[in-house]
Every structure is written in structure tokens, then in C-alpha cells.
């Protein structure tokens, strides 16, 4: 059965919301694969270009994985075929090197195309095309769509030549935490559908919209997340998302929500009832693993290792983009937010080896405990999104 057919069946029979999970670490990837096979339920494994990148570009920060090696790793462990490999946020200026080199549009587009080609050849199942970033200016919607369509045609051509069946997710702006303008969104879908019809291309399976979610620091600050489900403000946000779902259903395209991290059980449980087709969750699991390692250090009195890890994470400065204005976050908070970015750093690997050795001396497997904790955290989403039936 094709992944899209399996997704359609789940959406129809379970009244669920599909789940995309970020590969924040090797432990996180292993936990996702184990859960998919244990539950016999497909999960989207959503790798950004910063996390996992083509060998040509030097790989990504997660386990130093190249696209090619990452795909092979997942296939080798996903015995039941439940993991849907997804390129998340593919497009120009979506990896570190294109930004650092201050590439012009032409070069950044060509770089993105080479990255997409590696995804397709490596066996990724879904491509999220996201041309929303421009380091030189704020592009108009027409400019964003022009880039989107150019990249879509390219990917479709590569997939055809390679004999690969790929499905797509389109995103045209960065998550803001606000709610999408319904008329602007519907106009966007009209243009997408018209382009697909004109060029005899399938419509994207998912489209990303602003549903009132936005991750900052270690919480969700979007309009939808800001209040309890029963509050008037949340009720207005829910009604707005209902309209987005209706528009998507009318055009035969499914709504994908990004930044569902840290949402309450109540709000998560509302998603399937509202008909939201899919959500993505990622940073929350990186923070969980960092906190777990620090907690182990506290429990076993590994003060030196704890402090070295925190300093390494803080000094990475990777926490910068996550901070809110006028933040009250401490340096430790900043380090926790950035912890997963340094998991593959050789210095952290030495620190972790010492922590793991101390755990082993006490009959405790550090990585196993991390994976079990991650699986428990993921189950919160799985249960609330109604993906657990039959388990």
C-alpha cells in the first residue's frame, strides 16, 4: 500500500491527526522507528536540511548524517516499513552553508535542487518544498510561488527519471503564531491547483498554514496555544482553524500544522475532532533528551560532566533564534534549548561516554533510558491525536 493510501485510510477510519516527528538525535530516530513498528502505525520522520543534508554539502548536525546514510540507516531498522522519510523545509537558504555564503537567489535555488535530487535518489517518500526564506529581502507571494513551482517541477522531473513515487507538502511562509487569512489562503490554493492542472502534476498532499502555533524557548506561544480550549480566545482560534480545514477539504488538499510542540493534551485532543490532517513536532524532543541527560548527571553526582555539557551547549549560540523578546530565560535555560545541537560534537561525545560509563557501573543503560523516555513523550501525541487504536 502506498503511504498516501495508508494515510487516507487512517484519516478516514480513525478520525485521527497524522504525526510528523523530528530526528533530533540518533536516539530520537531509533525511538520513532521502534514506535512505528510496535504500533504498526506510519509516522513521518521529518528531517530539515540543517539536521540531515546531502553528502555533497557535508551532512547535517544530527549524528553528522548525510541524506544518503540517514535514509539507509532508517530503512535498515524499519522492518515493517512504517516510517515515511520526509524532507522538511527544503528550499533555498534552508541550510547553514547557503546562508553563510550569502548566496544569491540563482545559486541558492540550484543548491536546493541538488539537495532535493539527493533526497529523491536516496529514497525519501515526501518532499516539503518551502521557499519562504530569503536572506536578501522579503519576497512577495508571487515570487514565493514562482520559486515553489520551479522547485516542484524540478522534483517531479527527477522523480520521474528515477522511477520514484514522491508526494509533496507545500509551505509558503514561516510559522508566525498568528492565524492565516482565510481569503489569502484560499487564493493560494487556487493558484496551486491551477498550476498543477496546467502542468499535469498531482496536487500536493499537504499544505502548511498558520494555525496559531509557534515554538519559542520551551513553550508554544501561538494564538491557538495561548489559552485553554474552553476559553473565548481559544474558541475563536479553533473556529478559524475549522475554516482552514474546510478550505483544504474543498480543494482536495490536507492541512499540515507545524510547531505543535508543547501544546496541552486538551488542545492536541481537539485536533482530530477539528479535522486537522497532520502536525509536526520536533524541538520538544531535543529538549527532553537534554533534560534527561542533565537529570542523570544530577542523580549520579556528575557535576563536572553536567557543567561541561551546559557550557558547550550555551557557547554554541544555537539558542538565539528561539528566544522571545524581553526574555527572562537563564543561561541554563538557553543551554537546555540548544543542547541537542551539540550531541554530535566530539567534545560532547567524550562527556557522554563518561556519563554512560558511570551509568553502566550502576547497572543503568543511558541510551536505552533516553529512548524509553522519548517514546513515552511521543505517546502523549500519539494518544491525543487518536493514532493509538489497535495497540
Protein backbone atom coordinates (compact mmCIF):
# COMPACT_ATOMS: atom_id res chain seq x y z
CA UNK A 1 0.00 0.00 0.00
CA UNK A 2 1.29 3.48 -0.88
CA UNK A 3 1.94 5.82 2.04
CA UNK A 4 -0.70 8.26 0.81
CA UNK A 5 -3.28 5.47 0.62
CA UNK A 6 -2.37 4.36 4.15
CA UNK A 7 -2.67 7.95 5.36
CA UNK A 8 -6.06 8.32 3.66
CA UNK A 9 -7.26 5.11 5.29
CA UNK A 10 -6.12 6.26 8.75
CA UNK A 11 -7.73 9.68 8.36
CA UNK A 12 -11.00 8.06 7.28
CA UNK A 13 -11.20 5.14 9.71
CA UNK A 14 -9.59 6.55 12.87
CA UNK A 15 -10.60 10.22 12.67
CA UNK A 16 -7.01 10.98 13.62
CA UNK A 17 -4.36 13.62 13.01
CA UNK A 18 -1.21 12.28 11.35
CA UNK A 19 2.11 12.89 13.08
CA UNK A 20 5.46 14.15 11.82
CA UNK A 21 8.38 13.72 14.24
CA UNK A 22 11.74 15.45 14.03
CA UNK A 23 15.02 13.45 14.05
CA UNK A 24 16.61 15.40 16.89
CA UNK A 25 19.21 12.70 17.63
CA UNK A 26 20.02 9.08 16.82
CA UNK A 27 18.14 8.05 19.96
CA UNK A 28 15.16 10.04 18.75
CA UNK A 29 15.24 8.37 15.33
CA UNK A 30 15.50 4.92 16.92
CA UNK A 31 12.56 5.71 19.22
CA UNK A 32 10.40 6.78 16.26
CA UNK A 33 11.26 3.62 14.30
CA UNK A 34 10.55 1.40 17.31
CA UNK A 35 7.19 3.07 17.97
CA UNK A 36 6.08 2.87 14.36
CA UNK A 37 6.79 -0.85 14.25
CA UNK A 38 5.36 -1.57 17.71
CA UNK A 39 2.14 0.32 16.98
CA UNK A 40 2.03 -0.71 13.30
CA UNK A 41 1.29 2.92 12.52
CA UNK A 42 3.07 5.16 10.00
CA UNK A 43 4.92 8.20 11.27
CA UNK A 44 6.57 10.90 9.20
CA UNK A 45 10.26 11.34 10.06
CA UNK A 46 10.81 14.98 9.13
CA UNK A 47 14.45 15.93 8.53
CA UNK A 48 15.35 19.56 7.84
CA UNK A 49 18.36 20.42 5.69
CA UNK A 50 20.21 21.64 8.76
CA UNK A 51 19.66 18.32 10.50
CA UNK A 52 20.36 15.94 7.61
CA UNK A 53 21.89 17.09 4.33
CA UNK A 54 23.31 15.59 1.16
CA UNK A 55 26.86 14.25 1.24
CA UNK A 56 27.82 16.93 -1.28
CA UNK A 57 27.08 19.58 1.37
CA UNK A 58 28.78 17.82 4.27
CA UNK A 59 25.80 16.30 6.08
CA UNK A 60 23.83 17.78 8.97
CA UNK A 61 24.19 18.35 12.69
CA UNK A 62 22.15 15.29 13.72
CA UNK A 63 24.62 12.42 14.12
CA UNK A 64 26.62 14.04 11.28
CA UNK A 65 24.25 12.18 8.94
CA UNK A 66 24.28 12.67 5.21
CA UNK A 67 20.98 12.25 3.37
CA UNK A 68 22.27 9.05 1.81
CA UNK A 69 23.45 7.47 5.08
CA UNK A 70 20.37 8.61 7.00
CA UNK A 71 17.98 7.01 4.52
CA UNK A 72 19.98 3.77 4.58
CA UNK A 73 20.05 3.78 8.41
CA UNK A 74 16.28 4.16 8.68
CA UNK A 75 15.49 1.56 6.02
CA UNK A 76 17.78 -0.93 7.73
CA UNK A 77 15.86 -0.67 11.01
CA UNK A 78 12.30 -0.03 9.84
CA UNK A 79 11.42 -3.68 9.31
CA UNK A 80 7.68 -3.10 8.90
CA UNK A 81 8.00 -0.14 6.54
CA UNK A 82 6.12 2.24 8.84
CA UNK A 83 8.48 5.20 8.65
CA UNK A 84 7.78 7.81 5.99
CA UNK A 85 11.00 9.65 5.17
CA UNK A 86 10.28 13.35 4.71
CA UNK A 87 12.44 16.25 3.69
CA UNK A 88 11.26 19.07 5.94
CA UNK A 89 11.76 22.69 4.87
CA UNK A 90 13.57 22.02 1.64
CA UNK A 91 14.34 25.13 -0.37
CA UNK A 92 16.84 27.97 -0.86
CA UNK A 93 18.78 29.25 2.17
CA UNK A 94 17.43 26.37 4.27
CA UNK A 95 20.87 25.05 5.23
CA UNK A 96 23.71 26.76 7.04
CA UNK A 97 26.17 27.00 4.16
CA UNK A 98 23.85 28.86 1.79
CA UNK A 99 23.25 31.49 4.45
CA UNK A 100 26.91 31.71 5.48
CA UNK A 101 27.97 32.19 1.86
CA UNK A 102 25.22 34.79 1.36
CA UNK A 103 24.27 33.02 -1.86
CA UNK A 104 22.26 34.90 -4.43
CA UNK A 105 18.86 33.53 -5.45
CA UNK A 106 20.07 31.64 -8.51
CA UNK A 107 22.85 29.83 -6.64
CA UNK A 108 20.65 29.10 -3.61
CA UNK A 109 17.95 27.63 -5.87
CA UNK A 110 20.50 25.44 -7.64
CA UNK A 111 21.89 24.29 -4.30
CA UNK A 112 18.38 23.45 -3.08
CA UNK A 113 17.73 21.47 -6.27
CA UNK A 114 20.85 19.37 -5.76
CA UNK A 115 19.73 18.68 -2.19
CA UNK A 116 16.27 17.65 -3.41
CA UNK A 117 17.80 15.37 -6.04
CA UNK A 118 19.80 13.59 -3.31
CA UNK A 119 16.60 13.18 -1.27
CA UNK A 120 14.75 11.58 -4.15
CA UNK A 121 17.61 9.33 -5.21
CA UNK A 122 18.11 8.24 -1.58
CA UNK A 123 14.51 7.09 -1.29
CA UNK A 124 12.76 9.86 0.61
CA UNK A 125 9.00 9.45 0.31
CA UNK A 126 7.81 13.03 0.74
CA UNK A 127 9.28 16.44 -0.03
CA UNK A 128 8.29 19.62 1.79
CA UNK A 129 9.06 22.49 -0.55
CA UNK A 130 9.48 25.70 1.45
CA UNK A 131 10.82 28.75 -0.41
CA UNK A 132 9.73 31.17 2.32
CA UNK A 133 13.26 32.18 3.37
CA UNK A 134 15.09 34.94 1.52
CA UNK A 135 18.16 36.39 3.23
CA UNK A 136 18.25 39.41 0.91
CA UNK A 137 14.67 40.73 1.00
CA UNK A 138 11.06 39.91 1.85
CA UNK A 139 9.66 38.22 -1.27
CA UNK A 140 6.09 38.76 -2.46
CA UNK A 141 3.66 35.86 -2.57
CA UNK A 142 4.03 35.80 -6.34
CA UNK A 143 7.82 35.49 -6.03
CA UNK A 144 7.47 32.73 -3.45
CA UNK A 145 5.03 30.84 -5.69
CA UNK A 146 7.33 31.23 -8.69
CA UNK A 147 10.16 29.61 -6.70
CA UNK A 148 7.81 26.94 -5.32
CA UNK A 149 6.60 25.94 -8.79
CA UNK A 150 10.12 25.88 -10.22
CA UNK A 151 11.27 23.56 -7.45
CA UNK A 152 8.15 21.38 -7.76
CA UNK A 153 8.66 20.87 -11.49
CA UNK A 154 12.31 20.04 -10.85
CA UNK A 155 11.50 17.47 -8.17
CA UNK A 156 8.73 15.91 -10.27
CA UNK A 157 11.13 15.58 -13.22
CA UNK A 158 13.84 13.97 -11.08
CA UNK A 159 11.35 11.56 -9.52
CA UNK A 160 10.06 10.58 -12.95
CA UNK A 161 13.57 9.94 -14.26
CA UNK A 162 14.49 7.91 -11.17
CA UNK A 163 11.26 5.93 -11.20
CA UNK A 164 10.36 7.14 -7.70
CA UNK A 165 6.87 7.81 -6.34
CA UNK A 166 7.10 11.03 -4.33
CA UNK A 167 4.36 13.06 -2.71
CA UNK A 168 4.64 16.67 -1.63
CA UNK A 169 3.95 19.24 1.04
CA UNK A 170 3.94 22.94 0.17
CA UNK A 171 4.74 25.78 2.55
CA UNK A 172 4.95 29.43 1.55
CA UNK A 173 5.67 31.32 4.77
CA UNK A 174 7.39 30.86 8.11
CA UNK A 175 5.33 29.92 11.16
CA UNK A 176 4.37 33.13 12.95
CA UNK A 177 1.98 32.01 15.69
CA UNK A 178 -0.78 34.09 14.12
CA UNK A 179 -3.81 32.78 12.24
CA UNK A 180 -3.90 32.52 8.45
CA UNK A 181 -6.03 34.98 6.49
CA UNK A 182 -8.73 32.73 5.01
CA UNK A 183 -9.15 34.62 1.73
CA UNK A 184 -5.40 34.82 1.15
CA UNK A 185 -5.06 31.11 1.91
CA UNK A 186 -7.86 30.15 -0.46
CA UNK A 187 -6.34 32.30 -3.19
CA UNK A 188 -3.05 30.50 -2.63
CA UNK A 189 -4.71 27.09 -3.02
CA UNK A 190 -6.45 28.23 -6.20
CA UNK A 191 -3.11 29.19 -7.73
CA UNK A 192 -1.50 25.92 -6.65
CA UNK A 193 -4.33 23.82 -8.08
CA UNK A 194 -4.34 25.83 -11.33
CA UNK A 195 -0.59 25.32 -11.74
CA UNK A 196 -0.87 21.58 -11.12
CA UNK A 197 -3.68 21.25 -13.64
CA UNK A 198 -1.83 23.31 -16.26
CA UNK A 199 1.32 21.17 -15.94
CA UNK A 200 -0.41 17.81 -15.40
CA UNK A 201 1.14 17.45 -11.95
CA UNK A 202 -0.57 15.97 -8.87
CA UNK A 203 -1.74 18.37 -6.20
CA UNK A 204 0.41 18.45 -3.05
CA UNK A 205 -0.78 16.03 -0.41
CA UNK A 206 -0.29 18.61 2.38
CA UNK A 207 -0.20 22.37 2.53
CA UNK A 208 1.11 24.27 5.56
CA UNK A 209 -0.97 27.07 7.07
CA UNK A 210 -0.73 29.38 10.05
CA UNK A 211 -2.90 27.68 12.66
CA UNK A 212 -1.84 29.73 15.67
CA UNK A 213 1.16 27.69 16.80
CA UNK A 214 4.73 28.87 17.32
CA UNK A 215 7.55 27.38 19.40
CA UNK A 216 9.69 29.80 21.35
CA UNK A 217 12.08 28.88 24.16
CA UNK A 218 10.45 25.83 25.78
CA UNK A 219 6.78 26.59 25.18
CA UNK A 220 4.22 27.29 22.48
CA UNK A 221 3.35 30.97 22.19
CA UNK A 222 0.89 30.89 19.26
CA UNK A 223 -2.71 32.12 19.34
CA UNK A 224 -4.11 28.58 19.44
CA UNK A 225 -1.82 27.54 22.27
CA UNK A 226 -2.16 30.68 24.36
CA UNK A 227 -5.37 29.66 26.15
CA UNK A 228 -7.26 26.61 27.30
CA UNK A 229 -9.57 25.07 24.72
CA UNK A 230 -12.66 26.24 26.61
CA UNK A 231 -11.66 29.91 26.69
CA UNK A 232 -13.25 32.50 24.33
CA UNK A 233 -9.88 33.33 22.74
CA UNK A 234 -9.12 29.68 22.02
CA UNK A 235 -12.67 29.14 20.73
CA UNK A 236 -12.12 31.91 18.17
CA UNK A 237 -8.80 30.34 17.13
CA UNK A 238 -10.45 26.94 16.81
CA UNK A 239 -13.24 28.35 14.65
CA UNK A 240 -10.60 29.89 12.40
CA UNK A 241 -8.73 26.59 12.04
CA UNK A 242 -12.02 24.86 11.24
CA UNK A 243 -12.38 27.24 8.29
CA UNK A 244 -8.84 26.42 7.11
CA UNK A 245 -9.71 22.71 7.22
CA UNK A 246 -12.90 23.35 5.22
CA UNK A 247 -10.96 25.25 2.55
CA UNK A 248 -8.39 22.45 2.28
CA UNK A 249 -11.11 19.80 2.03
CA UNK A 250 -12.80 21.77 -0.73
CA UNK A 251 -9.62 21.70 -2.80
CA UNK A 252 -8.72 18.10 -2.00
CA UNK A 253 -5.54 19.05 -0.12
CA UNK A 254 -4.75 18.22 3.51
CA UNK A 255 -3.87 20.76 6.20
CA UNK A 256 -0.48 20.37 7.92
CA UNK A 257 0.24 22.23 11.15
CA UNK A 258 3.86 22.92 12.12
CA UNK A 259 5.10 23.76 15.64
CA UNK A 260 2.70 21.54 17.60
CA UNK A 261 5.34 21.14 20.34
CA UNK A 262 4.31 21.82 23.95
CA UNK A 263 0.58 22.01 23.17
CA UNK A 264 -1.58 20.78 26.04
CA UNK A 265 -3.32 17.40 25.93
CA UNK A 266 -6.62 19.25 25.67
CA UNK A 267 -5.58 21.23 22.61
CA UNK A 268 -3.92 18.22 20.98
CA UNK A 269 -7.07 16.17 21.51
CA UNK A 270 -9.09 18.85 19.77
CA UNK A 271 -7.09 18.46 16.53
CA UNK A 272 -8.65 15.18 15.32
CA UNK A 273 -12.13 16.46 16.14
CA UNK A 274 -11.42 19.60 14.13
CA UNK A 275 -10.23 17.55 11.16
CA UNK A 276 -6.66 18.87 11.17
CA UNK A 277 -4.94 16.34 8.95
CA UNK A 278 -1.38 16.39 10.32
CA UNK A 279 1.01 18.11 12.73
CA UNK A 280 4.79 18.29 13.14
CA UNK A 281 6.65 18.06 16.46
CA UNK A 282 10.43 18.34 16.84
CA UNK A 283 12.20 20.73 19.29
CA UNK A 284 10.31 19.36 22.31
CA UNK A 285 12.09 16.02 21.92
CA UNK A 286 15.53 17.61 21.67
CA UNK A 287 14.84 19.48 24.91
CA UNK A 288 13.55 16.30 26.54
CA UNK A 289 16.74 14.40 25.76
CA UNK A 290 18.92 17.25 27.04
CA UNK A 291 16.96 17.46 30.29
CA UNK A 292 17.13 13.68 30.69
CA UNK A 293 20.93 13.69 30.41
CA UNK A 294 21.21 16.57 32.89
CA UNK A 295 18.88 14.77 35.31
CA UNK A 296 21.09 11.67 35.15
CA UNK A 297 24.10 13.84 35.91
CA UNK A 298 22.28 15.27 38.93
CA UNK A 299 21.18 11.85 40.16
CA UNK A 300 24.68 10.36 39.91
CA UNK A 301 26.60 13.40 41.12
CA UNK A 302 28.30 14.01 37.76
CA UNK A 303 28.72 17.73 38.35
CA UNK A 304 31.74 18.26 36.09
CA UNK A 305 30.08 16.50 33.15
CA UNK A 306 26.87 18.46 33.68
CA UNK A 307 28.67 21.80 33.70
CA UNK A 308 30.78 20.96 30.63
CA UNK A 309 27.67 19.93 28.69
CA UNK A 310 25.85 23.12 29.65
CA UNK A 311 28.81 25.31 28.68
CA UNK A 312 29.22 23.56 25.33
CA UNK A 313 25.52 23.98 24.55
CA UNK A 314 25.44 27.61 25.67
CA UNK A 315 28.58 28.52 23.74
CA UNK A 316 27.06 27.10 20.54
CA UNK A 317 24.71 30.11 20.49
CA UNK A 318 22.10 27.91 18.79
CA UNK A 319 19.53 29.09 21.31
CA UNK A 320 19.44 32.56 19.75
CA UNK A 321 16.59 32.07 17.27
CA UNK A 322 14.35 30.51 19.93
CA UNK A 323 14.27 33.41 22.38
CA UNK A 324 11.29 35.70 22.89
CA UNK A 325 11.66 39.45 23.20
CA UNK A 326 12.43 40.60 26.74
CA UNK A 327 13.17 37.02 27.75
CA UNK A 328 13.72 36.08 31.37
CA UNK A 329 15.49 32.84 30.40
CA UNK A 330 18.62 31.96 32.35
CA UNK A 331 21.88 30.81 30.80
CA UNK A 332 20.95 27.26 31.85
CA UNK A 333 17.62 27.62 30.02
CA UNK A 334 19.48 28.75 26.92
CA UNK A 335 21.83 25.79 27.16
CA UNK A 336 18.91 23.36 27.52
CA UNK A 337 17.24 24.83 24.42
CA UNK A 338 20.48 24.38 22.45
CA UNK A 339 21.58 21.05 23.90
CA UNK A 340 20.57 18.81 21.01
CA UNK A 341 22.59 20.88 18.55
CA UNK A 342 25.84 19.65 20.14
CA UNK A 343 25.01 15.95 20.54
CA UNK A 344 27.34 15.13 17.62
CA UNK A 345 30.11 17.43 18.79
CA UNK A 346 33.26 15.38 19.58
CA UNK A 347 33.64 17.13 22.94
CA UNK A 348 30.07 16.20 23.92
CA UNK A 349 30.68 12.63 22.79
CA UNK A 350 33.53 12.39 25.30
CA UNK A 351 31.31 13.88 28.02
CA UNK A 352 28.54 11.42 27.18
CA UNK A 353 30.96 8.48 27.26
CA UNK A 354 31.86 9.38 30.85
CA UNK A 355 28.18 9.72 31.78
CA UNK A 356 27.35 6.40 30.11
CA UNK A 357 30.24 4.66 31.88
CA UNK A 358 29.02 5.95 35.24
CA UNK A 359 25.53 4.71 34.40
CA UNK A 360 26.82 1.29 33.35
CA UNK A 361 28.71 0.92 36.63
CA UNK A 362 25.34 1.28 38.34
CA UNK A 363 23.61 -1.21 36.00
CA UNK A 364 21.92 1.56 34.04
CA UNK A 365 21.90 1.92 30.20
CA UNK A 366 21.89 5.63 29.38
CA UNK A 367 20.80 5.41 25.73
CA UNK A 368 18.08 2.85 26.49
CA UNK A 369 16.66 5.14 29.17
CA UNK A 370 16.71 8.08 26.75
CA UNK A 371 14.87 6.10 24.07
CA UNK A 372 12.25 4.88 26.55
CA UNK A 373 11.70 8.41 27.79
CA UNK A 374 11.38 9.74 24.27
CA UNK A 375 8.86 7.05 23.40
CA UNK A 376 6.83 7.96 26.46
CA UNK A 377 6.89 11.64 25.40
CA UNK A 378 5.83 10.74 21.86
CA UNK A 379 2.97 8.61 23.15
CA UNK A 380 1.36 11.75 24.54
CA UNK A 381 0.94 12.98 20.98
CA UNK A 382 0.00 9.56 19.63
CA UNK A 383 -2.83 9.11 22.15
CA UNK A 384 -4.19 12.63 21.89
CA UNK A 385 -4.07 12.62 18.09
CA UNK A 386 -6.02 9.34 18.05
CA UNK A 387 -3.25 7.29 16.42
CA UNK A 388 -3.14 4.54 19.05
CA UNK A 389 -6.10 2.34 18.05
CA UNK A 390 -5.42 -1.36 17.88
CA UNK A 391 -2.35 -1.20 20.14
